[in-house]
Structure formats: C-alpha cells, structure tokens
Amino acid sequence: MTEKPPWWQTTKTIRQGLWLGGVFIVVGLGELVPAFLGRVNLLKVIIGSGFLAMGLVHLSSAVAMRRRQR
C-alpha cells in the first residue's frame, strides 16, 4: 500500500514547489507594488496578498520536503 503524502504537502516534487512558490510571489508582488505606489485599490491588495500567501505556502512546503529528505 502506498503512503499518503502529509497534509501540508502542496506539490509532488521540491523543484515544482520552488517554481510555483517563486511564480506566485512574483505575481503577488506585481499586484501589490503598483497598488501601493498609486491610489490604493483594495481588490488589487487582496488579490496580491492571496498570491503572496500561496507563494509562501508553496515555498515552505518545498523547504519542509527538502528537510525531510535529509
């Protein structure tokens, strides 16, 4: 019987977690920075924060997977 992955694992591989985390963080910052440079748009702040949070979750999951491999 195959072992189930932990509940916190968001991707199958470490590399995939690093890529997705990096992309989500870039997209999140791309939404947040212009929102704060000009007039604050609440929708852009919420969307950017969501992408930033998803990126951090993916990166932390990849780091945890890497630490468990050692």
C-alpha atoms as a PDB file:
ATOM      1  CA  MET A   1       0.000   0.000   0.000  1.00  0.00           C
ATOM      2  CA  THR A   2       1.335   3.453  -0.892  1.00  0.00           C
ATOM      3  CA  GLU A   3       1.988   6.007   1.796  1.00  0.00           C
ATOM      4  CA  LYS A   4      -0.161   9.147   1.716  1.00  0.00           C
ATOM      5  CA  PRO A   5       1.708  12.426   1.499  1.00  0.00           C
ATOM      6  CA  PRO A   6       1.475  14.727   4.528  1.00  0.00           C
ATOM      7  CA  TRP A   7      -1.480  17.122   4.644  1.00  0.00           C
ATOM      8  CA  TRP A   8       0.786  20.162   4.252  1.00  0.00           C
ATOM      9  CA  GLN A   9       2.488  18.955   1.069  1.00  0.00           C
ATOM     10  CA  THR A  10       1.262  21.146  -1.798  1.00  0.00           C
ATOM     11  CA  THR A  11       3.331  19.703  -4.658  1.00  0.00           C
ATOM     12  CA  LYS A  12       4.776  16.360  -5.664  1.00  0.00           C
ATOM     13  CA  THR A  13       8.399  17.470  -6.007  1.00  0.00           C
ATOM     14  CA  ILE A  14      10.657  20.022  -4.365  1.00  0.00           C
ATOM     15  CA  ARG A  15      11.515  21.662  -7.678  1.00  0.00           C
ATOM     16  CA  GLN A  16       7.837  22.093  -8.518  1.00  0.00           C
ATOM     17  CA  GLY A  17       7.230  23.715  -5.129  1.00  0.00           C
ATOM     18  CA  LEU A  18      10.118  26.125  -5.605  1.00  0.00           C
ATOM     19  CA  TRP A  19       8.970  27.125  -9.101  1.00  0.00           C
ATOM     20  CA  LEU A  20       5.336  27.595  -8.126  1.00  0.00           C
ATOM     21  CA  GLY A  21       6.293  29.472  -4.974  1.00  0.00           C
ATOM     22  CA  GLY A  22       8.547  31.807  -6.912  1.00  0.00           C
ATOM     23  CA  VAL A  23       5.942  32.448  -9.610  1.00  0.00           C
ATOM     24  CA  PHE A  24       3.174  33.125  -7.082  1.00  0.00           C
ATOM     25  CA  ILE A  25       5.408  35.521  -5.126  1.00  0.00           C
ATOM     26  CA  VAL A  26       6.352  37.438  -8.284  1.00  0.00           C
ATOM     27  CA  VAL A  27       2.687  37.701  -9.318  1.00  0.00           C
ATOM     28  CA  GLY A  28       1.680  38.773  -5.808  1.00  0.00           C
ATOM     29  CA  LEU A  29       4.346  41.456  -5.662  1.00  0.00           C
ATOM     30  CA  GLY A  30       3.384  42.521  -9.175  1.00  0.00           C
ATOM     31  CA  GLU A  31      -0.121  43.208  -7.874  1.00  0.00           C
ATOM     32  CA  LEU A  32       0.883  44.774  -4.555  1.00  0.00           C
ATOM     33  CA  VAL A  33       3.638  47.184  -5.560  1.00  0.00           C
ATOM     34  CA  PRO A  34       1.612  49.201  -8.122  1.00  0.00           C
ATOM     35  CA  ALA A  35      -1.378  49.188  -5.770  1.00  0.00           C
ATOM     36  CA  PHE A  36       0.655  50.986  -3.105  1.00  0.00           C
ATOM     37  CA  LEU A  37       2.550  53.310  -5.462  1.00  0.00           C
ATOM     38  CA  GLY A  38      -0.585  54.979  -6.783  1.00  0.00           C
ATOM     39  CA  ARG A  39      -4.043  55.117  -5.330  1.00  0.00           C
ATOM     40  CA  VAL A  40      -4.677  52.083  -3.122  1.00  0.00           C
ATOM     41  CA  ASN A  41      -7.022  49.661  -4.817  1.00  0.00           C
ATOM     42  CA  LEU A  42      -8.461  47.252  -2.230  1.00  0.00           C
ATOM     43  CA  LEU A  43      -9.179  44.494  -4.756  1.00  0.00           C
ATOM     44  CA  LYS A  44      -5.568  44.506  -6.016  1.00  0.00           C
ATOM     45  CA  VAL A  45      -4.283  44.423  -2.436  1.00  0.00           C
ATOM     46  CA  ILE A  46      -6.470  41.405  -1.626  1.00  0.00           C
ATOM     47  CA  ILE A  47      -5.507  39.541  -4.811  1.00  0.00           C
ATOM     48  CA  GLY A  48      -1.814  40.352  -4.368  1.00  0.00           C
ATOM     49  CA  SER A  49      -1.881  39.242  -0.727  1.00  0.00           C
ATOM     50  CA  GLY A  50      -3.544  35.991  -1.728  1.00  0.00           C
ATOM     51  CA  PHE A  51      -0.920  35.223  -4.355  1.00  0.00           C
ATOM     52  CA  LEU A  52       1.845  36.162  -1.928  1.00  0.00           C
ATOM     53  CA  ALA A  53       0.407  33.832   0.722  1.00  0.00           C
ATOM     54  CA  MET A  54       0.102  30.959  -1.782  1.00  0.00           C
ATOM     55  CA  GLY A  55       3.709  31.510  -2.824  1.00  0.00           C
ATOM     56  CA  LEU A  56       4.916  31.382   0.769  1.00  0.00           C
ATOM     57  CA  VAL A  57       2.931  28.194   1.397  1.00  0.00           C
ATOM     58  CA  HIS A  58       4.469  26.518  -1.650  1.00  0.00           C
ATOM     59  CA  LEU A  59       7.984  27.618  -0.692  1.00  0.00           C
ATOM     60  CA  SER A  60       7.613  26.473   2.908  1.00  0.00           C
ATOM     61  CA  SER A  61       6.242  23.138   1.710  1.00  0.00           C
ATOM     62  CA  ALA A  62       9.250  22.685  -0.602  1.00  0.00           C
ATOM     63  CA  VAL A  63      11.659  23.536   2.214  1.00  0.00           C
ATOM     64  CA  ALA A  64       9.920  21.088   4.555  1.00  0.00           C
ATOM     65  CA  MET A  65      10.083  18.351   1.903  1.00  0.00           C
ATOM     66  CA  ARG A  66      13.790  19.049   1.426  1.00  0.00           C
ATOM     67  CA  ARG A  67      14.452  18.862   5.160  1.00  0.00           C
ATOM     68  CA  ARG A  68      12.565  15.566   5.429  1.00  0.00           C
ATOM     69  CA  GLN A  69      14.737  14.080   2.652  1.00  0.00           C
ATOM     70  CA  ARG A  70      17.916  14.602   4.679  1.00  0.00           C
END
